Amino acid sequence: MFEEKKILCGASRYEQLFYFNPEFDSLPKEVKDELKILCVLYTEEIGGTFRLEYDEQGTLHMTVESKEDDFLFDEIGSALKIKQIQQEKRDLLESLEMYYKVFFLQEGEGKC
C-alpha cells in the first residue's frame, strides 16, 4: 500500500532531455534553474538517467539508472558525484524536503 515515489525532476543522457514535474511549478524560477543545471550536468559528466524524487515521508532521494549495455556509464564517478552534490547542495536539498513536507504532506499545519 505504499505510494509510488514522486519525481521532482530528472535528466537522461540517453534521450538528451530534462524533465521537471509541473506539480512543483510553484518553486521559484531560480530553484528550478538550479535543479536543471544539477541534473543535466550530472548526466553529461556521469551518463545514465538521474532523478530527484520524494518518498512517502518526504525525503528527497537521488536515483540513478543506466542501461545494461552502457559501458561509458561511470559507476564510481556516480557515487562520488552524489556525495559531492549532497555536500555542496545541502541547503537546497533540505529546503526542497521542507517544501514538500509543508505543501504536499501538510506537515506542521494545525499543530501548535
PDB file of N, CA and C in Angstrom:
ATOM      1  N   MET A   1       0.806  -1.188   0.000  1.00  0.00           N
ATOM      2  CA  MET A   1       0.000   0.000   0.000  1.00  0.00           C
ATOM      3  C   MET A   1       0.855   1.260   0.000  1.00  0.00           C
ATOM      4  N   PHE A   2       2.126   1.106  -0.331  1.00  0.00           N
ATOM      5  CA  PHE A   2       2.996   2.264  -0.396  1.00  0.00           C
ATOM      6  C   PHE A   2       2.728   3.029  -1.677  1.00  0.00           C
ATOM      7  N   GLU A   3       2.744   4.351  -1.556  1.00  0.00           N
ATOM      8  CA  GLU A   3       2.600   5.187  -2.737  1.00  0.00           C
ATOM      9  C   GLU A   3       3.893   5.123  -3.535  1.00  0.00           C
ATOM     10  N   GLU A   4       3.762   5.386  -4.813  1.00  0.00           N
ATOM     11  CA  GLU A   4       4.958   5.472  -5.628  1.00  0.00           C
ATOM     12  C   GLU A   4       5.710   6.741  -5.262  1.00  0.00           C
ATOM     13  N   LYS A   5       6.988   6.731  -5.571  1.00  0.00           N
ATOM     14  CA  LYS A   5       7.774   7.931  -5.335  1.00  0.00           C
ATOM     15  C   LYS A   5       7.316   9.024  -6.300  1.00  0.00           C
ATOM     16  N   LYS A   6       7.394  10.260  -5.829  1.00  0.00           N
ATOM     17  CA  LYS A   6       7.000  11.401  -6.658  1.00  0.00           C
ATOM     18  C   LYS A   6       8.272  12.057  -7.194  1.00  0.00           C
ATOM     19  N   ILE A   7       8.395  12.071  -8.509  1.00  0.00           N
ATOM     20  CA  ILE A   7       9.579  12.637  -9.154  1.00  0.00           C
ATOM     21  C   ILE A   7       9.484  14.158  -9.145  1.00  0.00           C
ATOM     22  N   LEU A   8      10.540  14.788  -8.672  1.00  0.00           N
ATOM     23  CA  LEU A   8      10.654  16.243  -8.722  1.00  0.00           C
ATOM     24  C   LEU A   8      11.178  16.656 -10.096  1.00  0.00           C
ATOM     25  N   CYS A   9      12.305  16.062 -10.489  1.00  0.00           N
ATOM     26  CA  CYS A   9      12.901  16.377 -11.775  1.00  0.00           C
ATOM     27  C   CYS A   9      13.908  15.296 -12.136  1.00  0.00           C
ATOM     28  N   GLY A  10      14.374  15.345 -13.352  1.00  0.00           N
ATOM     29  CA  GLY A  10      15.362  14.372 -13.780  1.00  0.00           C
ATOM     30  C   GLY A  10      15.904  14.714 -15.151  1.00  0.00           C
ATOM     31  N   ALA A  11      16.967  14.020 -15.510  1.00  0.00           N
ATOM     32  CA  ALA A  11      17.578  14.198 -16.820  1.00  0.00           C
ATOM     33  C   ALA A  11      18.064  12.849 -17.311  1.00  0.00           C
ATOM     34  N   SER A  12      18.098  12.721 -18.629  1.00  0.00           N
ATOM     35  CA  SER A  12      18.553  11.482 -19.247  1.00  0.00           C
ATOM     36  C   SER A  12      19.589  11.779 -20.316  1.00  0.00           C
ATOM     37  N   ARG A  13      20.710  11.127 -20.199  1.00  0.00           N
ATOM     38  CA  ARG A  13      21.749  11.251 -21.222  1.00  0.00           C
ATOM     39  C   ARG A  13      21.299  10.534 -22.493  1.00  0.00           C
ATOM     40  N   TYR A  14      20.513   9.483 -22.326  1.00  0.00           N
ATOM     41  CA  TYR A  14      20.076   8.685 -23.472  1.00  0.00           C
ATOM     42  C   TYR A  14      19.121   9.456 -24.371  1.00  0.00           C
ATOM     43  N   GLU A  15      18.147  10.120 -23.781  1.00  0.00           N
ATOM     44  CA  GLU A  15      17.162  10.865 -24.566  1.00  0.00           C
ATOM     45  C   GLU A  15      17.541  12.338 -24.742  1.00  0.00           C
ATOM     46  N   GLN A  16      18.623  12.756 -24.081  1.00  0.00           N
ATOM     47  CA  GLN A  16      19.061  14.151 -24.132  1.00  0.00           C
ATOM     48  C   GLN A  16      17.923  15.089 -23.733  1.00  0.00           C
ATOM     49  N   LEU A  17      17.315  14.812 -22.550  1.00  0.00           N
ATOM     50  CA  LEU A  17      16.210  15.655 -22.113  1.00  0.00           C
ATOM     51  C   LEU A  17      16.245  15.869 -20.613  1.00  0.00           C
ATOM     52  N   PHE A  18      15.562  16.948 -20.220  1.00  0.00           N
ATOM     53  CA  PHE A  18      15.367  17.286 -18.817  1.00  0.00           C
ATOM     54  C   PHE A  18      13.872  17.275 -18.560  1.00  0.00           C
ATOM     55  N   TYR A  19      13.462  16.723 -17.421  1.00  0.00           N
ATOM     56  CA  TYR A  19      12.054  16.679 -17.046  1.00  0.00           C
ATOM     57  C   TYR A  19      11.877  17.392 -15.715  1.00  0.00           C
ATOM     58  N   PHE A  20      10.875  18.257 -15.644  1.00  0.00           N
ATOM     59  CA  PHE A  20      10.515  18.892 -14.385  1.00  0.00           C
ATOM     60  C   PHE A  20       9.028  18.663 -14.168  1.00  0.00           C
ATOM     61  N   ASN A  21       8.676  18.087 -13.022  1.00  0.00           N
ATOM     62  CA  ASN A  21       7.290  17.769 -12.716  1.00  0.00           C
ATOM     63  C   ASN A  21       6.486  19.066 -12.549  1.00  0.00           C
ATOM     64  N   PRO A  22       5.453  19.272 -13.363  1.00  0.00           N
ATOM     65  CA  PRO A  22       4.677  20.514 -13.285  1.00  0.00           C
ATOM     66  C   PRO A  22       3.952  20.708 -11.947  1.00  0.00           C
ATOM     67  N   GLU A  23       3.829  19.659 -11.141  1.00  0.00           N
ATOM     68  CA  GLU A  23       3.226  19.825  -9.816  1.00  0.00           C
ATOM     69  C   GLU A  23       4.049  20.741  -8.923  1.00  0.00           C
ATOM     70  N   PHE A  24       5.307  20.955  -9.290  1.00  0.00           N
ATOM     71  CA  PHE A  24       6.212  21.768  -8.484  1.00  0.00           C
ATOM     72  C   PHE A  24       6.479  23.139  -9.115  1.00  0.00           C
ATOM     73  N   ASP A  25       5.586  23.576  -9.990  1.00  0.00           N
ATOM     74  CA  ASP A  25       5.750  24.870 -10.653  1.00  0.00           C
ATOM     75  C   ASP A  25       5.792  26.052  -9.690  1.00  0.00           C
ATOM     76  N   SER A  26       5.287  25.872  -8.479  1.00  0.00           N
ATOM     77  CA  SER A  26       5.285  26.974  -7.522  1.00  0.00           C
ATOM     78  C   SER A  26       6.688  27.266  -6.954  1.00  0.00           C
ATOM     79  N   LEU A  27       7.649  26.398  -7.238  1.00  0.00           N
ATOM     80  CA  LEU A  27       9.022  26.681  -6.808  1.00  0.00           C
ATOM     81  C   LEU A  27       9.545  27.907  -7.556  1.00  0.00           C
ATOM     82  N   PRO A  28      10.393  28.691  -6.912  1.00  0.00           N
ATOM     83  CA  PRO A  28      10.962  29.868  -7.592  1.00  0.00           C
ATOM     84  C   PRO A  28      11.762  29.465  -8.832  1.00  0.00           C
ATOM     85  N   LYS A  29      11.763  30.337  -9.824  1.00  0.00           N
ATOM     86  CA  LYS A  29      12.473  30.082 -11.077  1.00  0.00           C
ATOM     87  C   LYS A  29      13.947  29.772 -10.841  1.00  0.00           C
ATOM     88  N   GLU A  30      14.566  30.468  -9.887  1.00  0.00           N
ATOM     89  CA  GLU A  30      15.981  30.255  -9.593  1.00  0.00           C
ATOM     90  C   GLU A  30      16.232  28.825  -9.113  1.00  0.00           C
ATOM     91  N   VAL A  31      15.316  28.302  -8.309  1.00  0.00           N
ATOM     92  CA  VAL A  31      15.447  26.925  -7.808  1.00  0.00           C
ATOM     93  C   VAL A  31      15.279  25.946  -8.963  1.00  0.00           C
ATOM     94  N   LYS A  32      14.280  26.173  -9.807  1.00  0.00           N
ATOM     95  CA  LYS A  32      14.058  25.299 -10.966  1.00  0.00           C
ATOM     96  C   LYS A  32      15.282  25.317 -11.888  1.00  0.00           C
ATOM     97  N   ASP A  33      15.858  26.496 -12.099  1.00  0.00           N
ATOM     98  CA  ASP A  33      17.052  26.602 -12.939  1.00  0.00           C
ATOM     99  C   ASP A  33      18.223  25.842 -12.326  1.00  0.00           C
ATOM    100  N   GLU A  34      18.389  25.966 -11.015  1.00  0.00           N
ATOM    101  CA  GLU A  34      19.477  25.269 -10.336  1.00  0.00           C
ATOM    102  C   GLU A  34      19.298  23.753 -10.423  1.00  0.00           C
ATOM    103  N   LEU A  35      18.063  23.291 -10.306  1.00  0.00           N
ATOM    104  CA  LEU A  35      17.784  21.857 -10.423  1.00  0.00           C
ATOM    105  C   LEU A  35      18.090  21.362 -11.834  1.00  0.00           C
ATOM    106  N   LYS A  36      17.734  22.160 -12.819  1.00  0.00           N
ATOM    107  CA  LYS A  36      18.005  21.769 -14.201  1.00  0.00           C
ATOM    108  C   LYS A  36      19.505  21.655 -14.432  1.00  0.00           C
ATOM    109  N   ILE A  37      20.253  22.627 -13.980  1.00  0.00           N
ATOM    110  CA  ILE A  37      21.712  22.599 -14.128  1.00  0.00           C
ATOM    111  C   ILE A  37      22.291  21.382 -13.429  1.00  0.00           C
ATOM    112  N   LEU A  38      21.849  21.126 -12.200  1.00  0.00           N
ATOM    113  CA  LEU A  38      22.341  19.995 -11.424  1.00  0.00           C
ATOM    114  C   LEU A  38      22.114  18.682 -12.171  1.00  0.00           C
ATOM    115  N   CYS A  39      20.892  18.461 -12.642  1.00  0.00           N
ATOM    116  CA  CYS A  39      20.541  17.198 -13.304  1.00  0.00           C
ATOM    117  C   CYS A  39      21.274  17.024 -14.634  1.00  0.00           C
ATOM    118  N   VAL A  40      21.278  18.077 -15.440  1.00  0.00           N
ATOM    119  CA  VAL A  40      21.899  17.980 -16.763  1.00  0.00           C
ATOM    120  C   VAL A  40      23.407  17.803 -16.640  1.00  0.00           C
ATOM    121  N   LEU A  41      24.049  18.539 -15.747  1.00  0.00           N
ATOM    122  CA  LEU A  41      25.494  18.382 -15.570  1.00  0.00           C
ATOM    123  C   LEU A  41      25.843  16.978 -15.079  1.00  0.00           C
ATOM    124  N   TYR A  42      25.001  16.437 -14.193  1.00  0.00           N
ATOM    125  CA  TYR A  42      25.243  15.075 -13.708  1.00  0.00           C
ATOM    126  C   TYR A  42      25.260  14.098 -14.886  1.00  0.00           C
ATOM    127  N   THR A  43      24.226  14.142 -15.718  1.00  0.00           N
ATOM    128  CA  THR A  43      24.143  13.175 -16.809  1.00  0.00           C
ATOM    129  C   THR A  43      25.209  13.418 -17.878  1.00  0.00           C
ATOM    130  N   GLU A  44      25.609  14.657 -18.079  1.00  0.00           N
ATOM    131  CA  GLU A  44      26.677  14.925 -19.039  1.00  0.00           C
ATOM    132  C   GLU A  44      28.010  14.386 -18.543  1.00  0.00           C
ATOM    133  N   GLU A  45      28.247  14.501 -17.242  1.00  0.00           N
ATOM    134  CA  GLU A  45      29.515  14.058 -16.668  1.00  0.00           C
ATOM    135  C   GLU A  45      29.547  12.550 -16.436  1.00  0.00           C
ATOM    136  N   ILE A  46      28.449  11.990 -15.932  1.00  0.00           N
ATOM    137  CA  ILE A  46      28.430  10.588 -15.498  1.00  0.00           C
ATOM    138  C   ILE A  46      27.733   9.682 -16.507  1.00  0.00           C
ATOM    139  N   GLY A  47      26.656  10.179 -17.114  1.00  0.00           N
ATOM    140  CA  GLY A  47      25.860   9.364 -18.030  1.00  0.00           C
ATOM    141  C   GLY A  47      24.606   8.866 -17.347  1.00  0.00           C
ATOM    142  N   GLY A  48      23.869   8.010 -18.031  1.00  0.00           N
ATOM    143  CA  GLY A  48      22.678   7.401 -17.457  1.00  0.00           C
ATOM    144  C   GLY A  48      21.503   8.345 -17.309  1.00  0.00           C
ATOM    145  N   THR A  49      20.625   7.976 -16.392  1.00  0.00           N
ATOM    146  CA  THR A  49      19.452   8.758 -16.060  1.00  0.00           C
ATOM    147  C   THR A  49      19.522   9.116 -14.589  1.00  0.00           C
ATOM    148  N   PHE A  50      19.267  10.372 -14.273  1.00  0.00           N
ATOM    149  CA  PHE A  50      19.370  10.886 -12.905  1.00  0.00           C
ATOM    150  C   PHE A  50      18.049  11.534 -12.538  1.00  0.00           C
ATOM    151  N   ARG A  51      17.512  11.186 -11.355  1.00  0.00           N
ATOM    152  CA  ARG A  51      16.250  11.766 -10.895  1.00  0.00           C
ATOM    153  C   ARG A  51      16.364  12.194  -9.437  1.00  0.00           C
ATOM    154  N   LEU A  52      15.643  13.246  -9.112  1.00  0.00           N
ATOM    155  CA  LEU A  52      15.405  13.627  -7.727  1.00  0.00           C
ATOM    156  C   LEU A  52      13.957  13.271  -7.454  1.00  0.00           C
ATOM    157  N   GLU A  53      13.716  12.450  -6.430  1.00  0.00           N
ATOM    158  CA  GLU A  53      12.355  12.007  -6.150  1.00  0.00           C
ATOM    159  C   GLU A  53      12.129  11.894  -4.652  1.00  0.00           C
ATOM    160  N   TYR A  54      10.881  12.126  -4.276  1.00  0.00           N
ATOM    161  CA  TYR A  54      10.477  12.079  -2.877  1.00  0.00           C
ATOM    162  C   TYR A  54       9.882  10.718  -2.555  1.00  0.00           C
ATOM    163  N   ASP A  55      10.169  10.225  -1.334  1.00  0.00           N
ATOM    164  CA  ASP A  55       9.492   9.020  -0.865  1.00  0.00           C
ATOM    165  C   ASP A  55       8.238   9.426  -0.097  1.00  0.00           C
ATOM    166  N   GLU A  56       7.555   8.461   0.495  1.00  0.00           N
ATOM    167  CA  GLU A  56       6.279   8.716   1.169  1.00  0.00           C
ATOM    168  C   GLU A  56       6.419   9.661   2.362  1.00  0.00           C
ATOM    169  N   GLN A  57       7.596   9.699   2.987  1.00  0.00           N
ATOM    170  CA  GLN A  57       7.821  10.563   4.139  1.00  0.00           C
ATOM    171  C   GLN A  57       8.318  11.952   3.754  1.00  0.00           C
ATOM    172  N   GLY A  58       8.563  12.170   2.469  1.00  0.00           N
ATOM    173  CA  GLY A  58       9.030  13.473   2.017  1.00  0.00           C
ATOM    174  C   GLY A  58      10.538  13.608   1.952  1.00  0.00           C
ATOM    175  N   THR A  59      11.246  12.497   2.086  1.00  0.00           N
ATOM    176  CA  THR A  59      12.699  12.526   1.965  1.00  0.00           C
ATOM    177  C   THR A  59      13.066  12.539   0.485  1.00  0.00           C
ATOM    178  N   LEU A  60      13.987  13.395   0.130  1.00  0.00           N
ATOM    179  CA  LEU A  60      14.414  13.540  -1.256  1.00  0.00           C
ATOM    180  C   LEU A  60      15.566  12.578  -1.531  1.00  0.00           C
ATOM    181  N   HIS A  61      15.421  11.787  -2.583  1.00  0.00           N
ATOM    182  CA  HIS A  61      16.440  10.808  -2.959  1.00  0.00           C
ATOM    183  C   HIS A  61      16.963  11.108  -4.352  1.00  0.00           C
ATOM    184  N   MET A  62      18.237  10.799  -4.562  1.00  0.00           N
ATOM    185  CA  MET A  62      18.836  10.875  -5.883  1.00  0.00           C
ATOM    186  C   MET A  62      18.877   9.452  -6.427  1.00  0.00           C
ATOM    187  N   THR A  63      18.213   9.251  -7.567  1.00  0.00           N
ATOM    188  CA  THR A  63      18.131   7.937  -8.167  1.00  0.00           C
ATOM    189  C   THR A  63      18.875   7.945  -9.492  1.00  0.00           C
ATOM    190  N   VAL A  64      19.688   6.922  -9.690  1.00  0.00           N
ATOM    191  CA  VAL A  64      20.488   6.822 -10.901  1.00  0.00           C
ATOM    192  C   VAL A  64      20.219   5.470 -11.545  1.00  0.00           C
ATOM    193  N   GLU A  65      20.045   5.489 -12.845  1.00  0.00           N
ATOM    194  CA  GLU A  65      19.884   4.248 -13.607  1.00  0.00           C
ATOM    195  C   GLU A  65      20.747   4.336 -14.850  1.00  0.00           C
ATOM    196  N   SER A  66      21.196   3.166 -15.289  1.00  0.00           N
ATOM    197  CA  SER A  66      21.934   3.109 -16.551  1.00  0.00           C
ATOM    198  C   SER A  66      21.519   1.865 -17.305  1.00  0.00           C
ATOM    199  N   LYS A  67      21.660   1.933 -18.603  1.00  0.00           N
ATOM    200  CA  LYS A  67      21.351   0.770 -19.427  1.00  0.00           C
ATOM    201  C   LYS A  67      22.435  -0.283 -19.219  1.00  0.00           C
ATOM    202  N   GLU A  68      22.018  -1.526 -19.315  1.00  0.00           N
ATOM    203  CA  GLU A  68      22.944  -2.633 -19.079  1.00  0.00           C
ATOM    204  C   GLU A  68      24.133  -2.603 -20.034  1.00  0.00           C
ATOM    205  N   ASP A  69      23.899  -2.162 -21.262  1.00  0.00           N
ATOM    206  CA  ASP A  69      24.972  -2.147 -22.255  1.00  0.00           C
ATOM    207  C   ASP A  69      25.680  -0.790 -22.357  1.00  0.00           C
ATOM    208  N   ASP A  70      25.475   0.072 -21.377  1.00  0.00           N
ATOM    209  CA  ASP A  70      26.116   1.392 -21.371  1.00  0.00           C
ATOM    210  C   ASP A  70      27.479   1.277 -20.690  1.00  0.00           C
ATOM    211  N   PHE A  71      28.494   0.986 -21.480  1.00  0.00           N
ATOM    212  CA  PHE A  71      29.836   0.782 -20.939  1.00  0.00           C
ATOM    213  C   PHE A  71      30.537   2.101 -20.626  1.00  0.00           C
ATOM    214  N   LEU A  72      29.940   3.216 -21.033  1.00  0.00           N
ATOM    215  CA  LEU A  72      30.512   4.523 -20.734  1.00  0.00           C
ATOM    216  C   LEU A  72      30.011   5.095 -19.410  1.00  0.00           C
ATOM    217  N   PHE A  73      28.967   4.474 -18.830  1.00  0.00           N
ATOM    218  CA  PHE A  73      28.439   4.948 -17.548  1.00  0.00           C
ATOM    219  C   PHE A  73      29.495   4.765 -16.469  1.00  0.00           C
ATOM    220  N   ASP A  74      29.718   5.793 -15.672  1.00  0.00           N
ATOM    221  CA  ASP A  74      30.767   5.810 -14.655  1.00  0.00           C
ATOM    222  C   ASP A  74      30.170   5.532 -13.270  1.00  0.00           C
ATOM    223  N   GLU A  75      30.154   4.253 -12.856  1.00  0.00           N
ATOM    224  CA  GLU A  75      29.552   3.891 -11.567  1.00  0.00           C
ATOM    225  C   GLU A  75      30.293   4.511 -10.387  1.00  0.00           C
ATOM    226  N   ILE A  76      31.591   4.477 -10.418  1.00  0.00           N
ATOM    227  CA  ILE A  76      32.384   5.047  -9.320  1.00  0.00           C
ATOM    228  C   ILE A  76      32.200   6.561  -9.291  1.00  0.00           C
ATOM    229  N   GLY A  77      32.277   7.182 -10.454  1.00  0.00           N
ATOM    230  CA  GLY A  77      32.062   8.617 -10.543  1.00  0.00           C
ATOM    231  C   GLY A  77      30.671   9.010 -10.085  1.00  0.00           C
ATOM    232  N   SER A  78      29.687   8.135 -10.313  1.00  0.00           N
ATOM    233  CA  SER A  78      28.315   8.404  -9.894  1.00  0.00           C
ATOM    234  C   SER A  78      28.222   8.540  -8.380  1.00  0.00           C
ATOM    235  N   ALA A  79      28.791   7.587  -7.667  1.00  0.00           N
ATOM    236  CA  ALA A  79      28.761   7.633  -6.197  1.00  0.00           C
ATOM    237  C   ALA A  79      29.483   8.870  -5.675  1.00  0.00           C
ATOM    238  N   LEU A  80      30.610   9.190  -6.277  1.00  0.00           N
ATOM    239  CA  LEU A  80      31.370  10.370  -5.848  1.00  0.00           C
ATOM    240  C   LEU A  80      30.612  11.659  -6.149  1.00  0.00           C
ATOM    241  N   LYS A  81      29.970  11.717  -7.311  1.00  0.00           N
ATOM    242  CA  LYS A  81      29.213  12.909  -7.698  1.00  0.00           C
ATOM    243  C   LYS A  81      28.020  13.126  -6.771  1.00  0.00           C
ATOM    244  N   ILE A  82      27.341  12.045  -6.393  1.00  0.00           N
ATOM    245  CA  ILE A  82      26.202  12.159  -5.479  1.00  0.00           C
ATOM    246  C   ILE A  82      26.666  12.676  -4.123  1.00  0.00           C
ATOM    247  N   LYS A  83      27.783  12.174  -3.622  1.00  0.00           N
ATOM    248  CA  LYS A  83      28.321  12.680  -2.352  1.00  0.00           C
ATOM    249  C   LYS A  83      28.658  14.168  -2.463  1.00  0.00           C
ATOM    250  N   GLN A  84      29.226  14.564  -3.597  1.00  0.00           N
ATOM    251  CA  GLN A  84      29.560  15.966  -3.823  1.00  0.00           C
ATOM    252  C   GLN A  84      28.294  16.827  -3.827  1.00  0.00           C
ATOM    253  N   ILE A  85      27.262  16.368  -4.526  1.00  0.00           N
ATOM    254  CA  ILE A  85      26.000  17.108  -4.576  1.00  0.00           C
ATOM    255  C   ILE A  85      25.411  17.216  -3.175  1.00  0.00           C
ATOM    256  N   GLN A  86      25.427  16.125  -2.420  1.00  0.00           N
ATOM    257  CA  GLN A  86      24.873  16.136  -1.064  1.00  0.00           C
ATOM    258  C   GLN A  86      25.586  17.154  -0.181  1.00  0.00           C
ATOM    259  N   GLN A  87      26.887  17.301  -0.356  1.00  0.00           N
ATOM    260  CA  GLN A  87      27.647  18.257   0.449  1.00  0.00           C
ATOM    261  C   GLN A  87      27.442  19.686  -0.038  1.00  0.00           C
ATOM    262  N   GLU A  88      27.608  19.906  -1.340  1.00  0.00           N
ATOM    263  CA  GLU A  88      27.572  21.258  -1.884  1.00  0.00           C
ATOM    264  C   GLU A  88      26.160  21.843  -1.952  1.00  0.00           C
ATOM    265  N   LYS A  89      25.168  21.010  -2.080  1.00  0.00           N
ATOM    266  CA  LYS A  89      23.785  21.473  -2.237  1.00  0.00           C
ATOM    267  C   LYS A  89      22.923  21.110  -1.027  1.00  0.00           C
ATOM    268  N   ARG A  90      23.544  20.932   0.115  1.00  0.00           N
ATOM    269  CA  ARG A  90      22.827  20.510   1.320  1.00  0.00           C
ATOM    270  C   ARG A  90      21.654  21.440   1.642  1.00  0.00           C
ATOM    271  N   ASP A  91      21.891  22.748   1.621  1.00  0.00           N
ATOM    272  CA  ASP A  91      20.829  23.710   1.944  1.00  0.00           C
ATOM    273  C   ASP A  91      19.661  23.605   0.961  1.00  0.00           C
ATOM    274  N   LEU A  92      19.979  23.508  -0.317  1.00  0.00           N
ATOM    275  CA  LEU A  92      18.938  23.378  -1.333  1.00  0.00           C
ATOM    276  C   LEU A  92      18.131  22.097  -1.114  1.00  0.00           C
ATOM    277  N   LEU A  93      18.803  20.977  -0.915  1.00  0.00           N
ATOM    278  CA  LEU A  93      18.122  19.695  -0.738  1.00  0.00           C
ATOM    279  C   LEU A  93      17.253  19.687   0.518  1.00  0.00           C
ATOM    280  N   GLU A  94      17.755  20.255   1.605  1.00  0.00           N
ATOM    281  CA  GLU A  94      16.961  20.326   2.841  1.00  0.00           C
ATOM    282  C   GLU A  94      15.742  21.229   2.655  1.00  0.00           C
ATOM    283  N   SER A  95      15.931  22.337   1.937  1.00  0.00           N
ATOM    284  CA  SER A  95      14.808  23.243   1.687  1.00  0.00           C
ATOM    285  C   SER A  95      13.741  22.578   0.815  1.00  0.00           C
ATOM    286  N   LEU A  96      14.170  21.790  -0.158  1.00  0.00           N
ATOM    287  CA  LEU A  96      13.220  21.086  -1.013  1.00  0.00           C
ATOM    288  C   LEU A  96      12.432  20.038  -0.226  1.00  0.00           C
ATOM    289  N   GLU A  97      13.086  19.387   0.726  1.00  0.00           N
ATOM    290  CA  GLU A  97      12.372  18.429   1.582  1.00  0.00           C
ATOM    291  C   GLU A  97      11.345  19.149   2.443  1.00  0.00           C
ATOM    292  N   MET A  98      11.718  20.278   3.023  1.00  0.00           N
ATOM    293  CA  MET A  98      10.797  21.049   3.857  1.00  0.00           C
ATOM    294  C   MET A  98       9.614  21.534   3.023  1.00  0.00           C
ATOM    295  N   TYR A  99       9.890  22.037   1.833  1.00  0.00           N
ATOM    296  CA  TYR A  99       8.840  22.494   0.914  1.00  0.00           C
ATOM    297  C   TYR A  99       7.829  21.368   0.658  1.00  0.00           C
ATOM    298  N   TYR A 100       8.323  20.192   0.356  1.00  0.00           N
ATOM    299  CA  TYR A 100       7.439  19.066   0.049  1.00  0.00           C
ATOM    300  C   TYR A 100       6.608  18.668   1.266  1.00  0.00           C
ATOM    301  N   LYS A 101       7.253  18.623   2.417  1.00  0.00           N
ATOM    302  CA  LYS A 101       6.546  18.216   3.637  1.00  0.00           C
ATOM    303  C   LYS A 101       5.447  19.212   3.997  1.00  0.00           C
ATOM    304  N   VAL A 102       5.699  20.491   3.803  1.00  0.00           N
ATOM    305  CA  VAL A 102       4.709  21.517   4.158  1.00  0.00           C
ATOM    306  C   VAL A 102       3.594  21.592   3.118  1.00  0.00           C
ATOM    307  N   PHE A 103       3.950  21.653   1.833  1.00  0.00           N
ATOM    308  CA  PHE A 103       2.944  21.906   0.803  1.00  0.00           C
ATOM    309  C   PHE A 103       2.276  20.652   0.239  1.00  0.00           C
ATOM    310  N   PHE A 104       2.923  19.512   0.342  1.00  0.00           N
ATOM    311  CA  PHE A 104       2.346  18.293  -0.231  1.00  0.00           C
ATOM    312  C   PHE A 104       1.873  17.327   0.850  1.00  0.00           C
ATOM    313  N   LEU A 105       2.621  17.232   1.934  1.00  0.00           N
ATOM    314  CA  LEU A 105       2.217  16.326   3.018  1.00  0.00           C
ATOM    315  C   LEU A 105       1.488  17.072   4.133  1.00  0.00           C
ATOM    316  N   GLN A 106       1.411  18.390   4.041  1.00  0.00           N
ATOM    317  CA  GLN A 106       0.765  19.259   5.032  1.00  0.00           C
ATOM    318  C   GLN A 106       1.274  19.007   6.445  1.00  0.00           C
ATOM    319  N   GLU A 107       2.547  18.733   6.581  1.00  0.00           N
ATOM    320  CA  GLU A 107       3.119  18.586   7.916  1.00  0.00           C
ATOM    321  C   GLU A 107       3.260  19.963   8.546  1.00  0.00           C
ATOM    322  N   GLY A 108       2.976  20.046   9.797  1.00  0.00           N
ATOM    323  CA  GLY A 108       3.133  21.303  10.522  1.00  0.00           C
ATOM    324  C   GLY A 108       1.874  22.151  10.514  1.00  0.00           C
ATOM    325  N   GLU A 109       0.909  21.851   9.648  1.00  0.00           N
ATOM    326  CA  GLU A 109      -0.327  22.639   9.634  1.00  0.00           C
ATOM    327  C   GLU A 109      -1.246  22.214  10.765  1.00  0.00           C
ATOM    328  N   GLY A 110      -1.777  23.174  11.458  1.00  0.00           N
ATOM    329  CA  GLY A 110      -2.726  22.887  12.536  1.00  0.00           C
ATOM    330  C   GLY A 110      -2.092  22.372  13.809  1.00  0.00           C
ATOM    331  N   LYS A 111      -0.747  22.357  13.849  1.00  0.00           N
ATOM    332  CA  LYS A 111      -0.075  21.894  15.061  1.00  0.00           C
ATOM    333  C   LYS A 111       0.424  23.094  15.837  1.00  0.00           C
ATOM    334  N   CYS A 112       0.106  23.130  17.112  1.00  0.00           N
ATOM    335  CA  CYS A 112       0.553  24.247  17.951  1.00  0.00           C
ATOM    336  C   CYS A 112       1.257  23.734  19.168  1.00  0.00           C
TER     337      CYS A 112
END
